[in-house]
């Protein structure tokens, strides 16, 4: 089941050569380890360019993370819960 969330989150990220790699994030008190980044894209939203990442968590759930570089803020945009 796909759910739109739009929750602010904390993300442990490696920034290298102008590229961001999310490693894990905290959502609702739980730490989710990113097993694989399955997609990346950028969308212009108002004055910001928001970087989106589709990631696979270690529990086989998929998440859509958004990073607004102008605000330096991460958001959990959507979740696909396995078996939900």
N, C-alpha and C. Protein backbone atom coordinates (compact mmCIF):
# COMPACT_ATOMS: atom_id res chain seq x y z
N UNK A 1 0.83 -1.16 0.00
CA UNK A 1 0.00 0.00 0.00
C UNK A 1 0.89 1.25 0.00
N UNK A 2 0.60 2.19 -0.88
CA UNK A 2 1.36 3.43 -0.97
C UNK A 2 0.69 4.48 -0.10
N UNK A 3 1.48 5.15 0.73
CA UNK A 3 0.97 6.22 1.59
C UNK A 3 1.78 7.48 1.37
N UNK A 4 1.11 8.60 1.19
CA UNK A 4 1.78 9.90 1.16
C UNK A 4 1.97 10.34 2.61
N UNK A 5 3.19 10.73 2.98
CA UNK A 5 3.49 10.99 4.38
C UNK A 5 3.84 12.46 4.63
N UNK A 6 4.86 12.98 3.97
CA UNK A 6 5.35 14.35 4.12
C UNK A 6 5.83 14.67 5.54
N UNK A 7 6.51 13.71 6.17
CA UNK A 7 7.07 13.90 7.51
C UNK A 7 8.52 14.37 7.43
N UNK A 8 8.91 15.38 8.22
CA UNK A 8 10.34 15.74 8.29
C UNK A 8 11.10 14.59 8.95
N UNK A 9 12.29 14.31 8.44
CA UNK A 9 13.09 13.20 8.97
C UNK A 9 14.55 13.63 9.08
N UNK A 10 15.30 12.88 9.88
CA UNK A 10 16.75 13.03 9.98
C UNK A 10 17.36 11.94 9.13
N UNK A 11 18.33 12.31 8.29
CA UNK A 11 18.95 11.34 7.38
C UNK A 11 20.46 11.39 7.53
N UNK A 12 21.06 10.22 7.74
CA UNK A 12 22.51 10.11 7.71
C UNK A 12 22.89 9.96 6.24
N UNK A 13 23.67 10.91 5.74
CA UNK A 13 23.94 11.00 4.30
C UNK A 13 25.42 11.19 4.05
N UNK A 14 25.92 10.59 2.99
CA UNK A 14 27.27 10.84 2.51
C UNK A 14 27.14 11.75 1.30
N UNK A 15 27.83 12.90 1.34
CA UNK A 15 27.88 13.80 0.19
C UNK A 15 29.27 13.66 -0.41
N UNK A 16 29.33 13.27 -1.69
CA UNK A 16 30.60 13.07 -2.36
C UNK A 16 30.48 13.46 -3.83
N UNK A 17 31.40 14.26 -4.31
CA UNK A 17 31.43 14.69 -5.71
C UNK A 17 30.10 15.28 -6.16
N UNK A 18 29.48 16.08 -5.30
CA UNK A 18 28.21 16.73 -5.64
C UNK A 18 27.02 15.80 -5.66
N UNK A 19 27.17 14.63 -5.08
CA UNK A 19 26.11 13.62 -5.08
C UNK A 19 25.80 13.21 -3.64
N UNK A 20 24.53 13.04 -3.33
CA UNK A 20 24.12 12.61 -1.99
C UNK A 20 23.75 11.13 -2.00
N UNK A 21 24.16 10.42 -0.96
CA UNK A 21 23.85 9.00 -0.81
C UNK A 21 23.24 8.79 0.57
N UNK A 22 21.89 8.68 0.67
CA UNK A 22 21.29 8.42 1.99
C UNK A 22 21.65 7.02 2.48
N UNK A 23 22.08 6.93 3.75
CA UNK A 23 22.50 5.65 4.32
C UNK A 23 21.46 5.08 5.29
N UNK A 24 20.88 5.95 6.10
CA UNK A 24 19.83 5.55 7.03
C UNK A 24 19.07 6.79 7.46
N UNK A 25 17.86 6.58 7.98
CA UNK A 25 17.07 7.72 8.43
C UNK A 25 16.21 7.32 9.62
N UNK A 26 15.80 8.32 10.38
CA UNK A 26 14.97 8.10 11.56
C UNK A 26 13.56 8.58 11.23
N UNK A 27 12.59 7.68 11.41
CA UNK A 27 11.19 8.00 11.15
C UNK A 27 10.33 7.41 12.26
N UNK A 28 9.58 8.26 12.92
CA UNK A 28 8.69 7.85 14.01
C UNK A 28 9.43 7.04 15.08
N UNK A 29 10.63 7.50 15.42
CA UNK A 29 11.40 6.88 16.49
C UNK A 29 12.18 5.64 16.09
N UNK A 30 12.08 5.20 14.83
CA UNK A 30 12.79 4.02 14.37
C UNK A 30 13.85 4.41 13.35
N UNK A 31 14.98 3.72 13.38
CA UNK A 31 16.03 3.93 12.40
C UNK A 31 15.84 2.92 11.27
N UNK A 32 15.79 3.44 10.04
CA UNK A 32 15.62 2.59 8.86
C UNK A 32 16.93 2.61 8.08
N UNK A 33 17.53 1.45 7.90
CA UNK A 33 18.77 1.33 7.13
C UNK A 33 18.41 1.24 5.65
N UNK A 34 19.08 2.05 4.83
CA UNK A 34 18.88 2.02 3.38
C UNK A 34 19.74 0.91 2.80
N UNK A 35 19.10 -0.07 2.18
CA UNK A 35 19.81 -1.19 1.57
C UNK A 35 20.25 -0.82 0.15
N UNK A 36 19.37 -0.08 -0.56
CA UNK A 36 19.66 0.24 -1.95
C UNK A 36 18.89 1.49 -2.36
N UNK A 37 19.55 2.37 -3.12
CA UNK A 37 18.86 3.50 -3.75
C UNK A 37 18.40 2.98 -5.11
N UNK A 38 17.08 2.97 -5.32
CA UNK A 38 16.52 2.39 -6.55
C UNK A 38 16.19 3.43 -7.61
N UNK A 39 16.25 4.71 -7.25
CA UNK A 39 15.99 5.75 -8.23
C UNK A 39 16.30 7.12 -7.66
N UNK A 40 16.63 8.05 -8.56
CA UNK A 40 16.91 9.44 -8.17
C UNK A 40 16.36 10.36 -9.24
N UNK A 41 15.81 11.50 -8.83
CA UNK A 41 15.36 12.51 -9.77
C UNK A 41 15.29 13.86 -9.06
N UNK A 42 15.24 14.92 -9.83
CA UNK A 42 15.19 16.28 -9.30
C UNK A 42 13.95 16.96 -9.88
N UNK A 43 13.26 17.70 -9.02
CA UNK A 43 12.07 18.43 -9.44
C UNK A 43 12.16 19.86 -8.92
N UNK A 44 11.82 20.82 -9.76
CA UNK A 44 11.78 22.22 -9.33
C UNK A 44 10.45 22.46 -8.65
N UNK A 45 10.51 22.95 -7.40
CA UNK A 45 9.32 23.23 -6.61
C UNK A 45 9.45 24.64 -6.06
N UNK A 46 8.75 25.59 -6.68
CA UNK A 46 8.89 26.99 -6.29
C UNK A 46 10.29 27.46 -6.62
N UNK A 47 10.98 28.03 -5.63
CA UNK A 47 12.35 28.50 -5.82
C UNK A 47 13.39 27.42 -5.55
N UNK A 48 12.95 26.25 -5.17
CA UNK A 48 13.87 25.18 -4.78
C UNK A 48 13.95 24.08 -5.83
N UNK A 49 15.11 23.44 -5.86
CA UNK A 49 15.27 22.19 -6.60
C UNK A 49 15.29 21.09 -5.55
N UNK A 50 14.32 20.21 -5.59
CA UNK A 50 14.20 19.15 -4.59
C UNK A 50 14.70 17.84 -5.21
N UNK A 51 15.63 17.19 -4.50
CA UNK A 51 16.23 15.93 -4.95
C UNK A 51 15.45 14.78 -4.30
N UNK A 52 14.95 13.88 -5.12
CA UNK A 52 14.16 12.74 -4.63
C UNK A 52 14.96 11.45 -4.77
N UNK A 53 14.77 10.57 -3.79
CA UNK A 53 15.44 9.27 -3.78
C UNK A 53 14.41 8.20 -3.44
N UNK A 54 14.32 7.21 -4.29
CA UNK A 54 13.52 6.02 -3.98
C UNK A 54 14.49 5.02 -3.38
N UNK A 55 14.19 4.55 -2.16
CA UNK A 55 15.13 3.66 -1.47
C UNK A 55 14.41 2.42 -0.94
N UNK A 56 15.18 1.35 -0.86
CA UNK A 56 14.71 0.09 -0.28
C UNK A 56 15.27 -0.02 1.12
N UNK A 57 14.39 -0.20 2.11
CA UNK A 57 14.81 -0.39 3.49
C UNK A 57 15.11 -1.86 3.74
N UNK A 58 15.81 -2.14 4.84
CA UNK A 58 16.19 -3.52 5.14
C UNK A 58 14.99 -4.42 5.46
N UNK A 59 13.82 -3.83 5.72
CA UNK A 59 12.62 -4.62 6.00
C UNK A 59 11.79 -4.87 4.73
N UNK A 60 12.38 -4.62 3.55
CA UNK A 60 11.73 -4.78 2.25
C UNK A 60 10.64 -3.75 1.99
N UNK A 61 10.64 -2.66 2.74
CA UNK A 61 9.72 -1.55 2.48
C UNK A 61 10.45 -0.53 1.60
N UNK A 62 9.68 0.15 0.76
CA UNK A 62 10.23 1.20 -0.10
C UNK A 62 9.82 2.56 0.44
N UNK A 63 10.71 3.53 0.28
CA UNK A 63 10.48 4.88 0.78
C UNK A 63 10.90 5.88 -0.29
N UNK A 64 10.19 7.01 -0.33
CA UNK A 64 10.58 8.11 -1.19
C UNK A 64 11.03 9.26 -0.29
N UNK A 65 12.33 9.58 -0.36
CA UNK A 65 12.92 10.64 0.43
C UNK A 65 13.10 11.87 -0.45
N UNK A 66 12.91 13.05 0.13
CA UNK A 66 13.10 14.29 -0.61
C UNK A 66 14.06 15.19 0.16
N UNK A 67 15.03 15.75 -0.56
CA UNK A 67 15.99 16.67 0.06
C UNK A 67 15.91 18.02 -0.63
N UNK A 68 15.53 19.03 0.14
CA UNK A 68 15.48 20.41 -0.34
C UNK A 68 16.80 21.06 0.06
N UNK A 69 17.70 21.21 -0.91
CA UNK A 69 19.04 21.74 -0.62
C UNK A 69 19.00 23.19 -0.16
N UNK A 70 18.05 23.94 -0.64
CA UNK A 70 17.94 25.34 -0.24
C UNK A 70 17.62 25.47 1.25
N UNK A 71 16.72 24.62 1.74
CA UNK A 71 16.34 24.63 3.16
C UNK A 71 17.19 23.68 3.99
N UNK A 72 18.00 22.85 3.31
CA UNK A 72 18.79 21.80 3.97
C UNK A 72 17.89 20.94 4.84
N UNK A 73 16.81 20.44 4.24
CA UNK A 73 15.80 19.67 4.97
C UNK A 73 15.40 18.42 4.20
N UNK A 74 15.34 17.31 4.94
CA UNK A 74 14.87 16.04 4.39
C UNK A 74 13.41 15.81 4.79
N UNK A 75 12.66 15.19 3.88
CA UNK A 75 11.26 14.84 4.13
C UNK A 75 11.02 13.42 3.64
N UNK A 76 10.26 12.66 4.40
CA UNK A 76 9.78 11.37 3.91
C UNK A 76 8.49 11.66 3.17
N UNK A 77 8.53 11.52 1.85
CA UNK A 77 7.38 11.89 1.01
C UNK A 77 6.35 10.77 0.94
N UNK A 78 6.82 9.54 0.69
CA UNK A 78 5.90 8.40 0.52
C UNK A 78 6.52 7.13 1.09
N UNK A 79 5.66 6.20 1.44
CA UNK A 79 6.11 4.87 1.87
C UNK A 79 5.29 3.81 1.15
N UNK A 80 5.94 2.71 0.82
CA UNK A 80 5.31 1.51 0.29
C UNK A 80 5.61 0.41 1.27
N UNK A 81 4.65 0.06 2.10
CA UNK A 81 4.90 -0.94 3.14
C UNK A 81 4.66 -2.33 2.60
N UNK A 82 5.65 -3.19 2.75
CA UNK A 82 5.57 -4.57 2.29
C UNK A 82 4.48 -5.31 3.07
N UNK A 83 3.54 -5.89 2.36
CA UNK A 83 2.50 -6.69 3.01
C UNK A 83 1.36 -5.87 3.56
N UNK A 84 1.39 -4.55 3.36
CA UNK A 84 0.30 -3.71 3.89
C UNK A 84 -0.82 -3.61 2.89
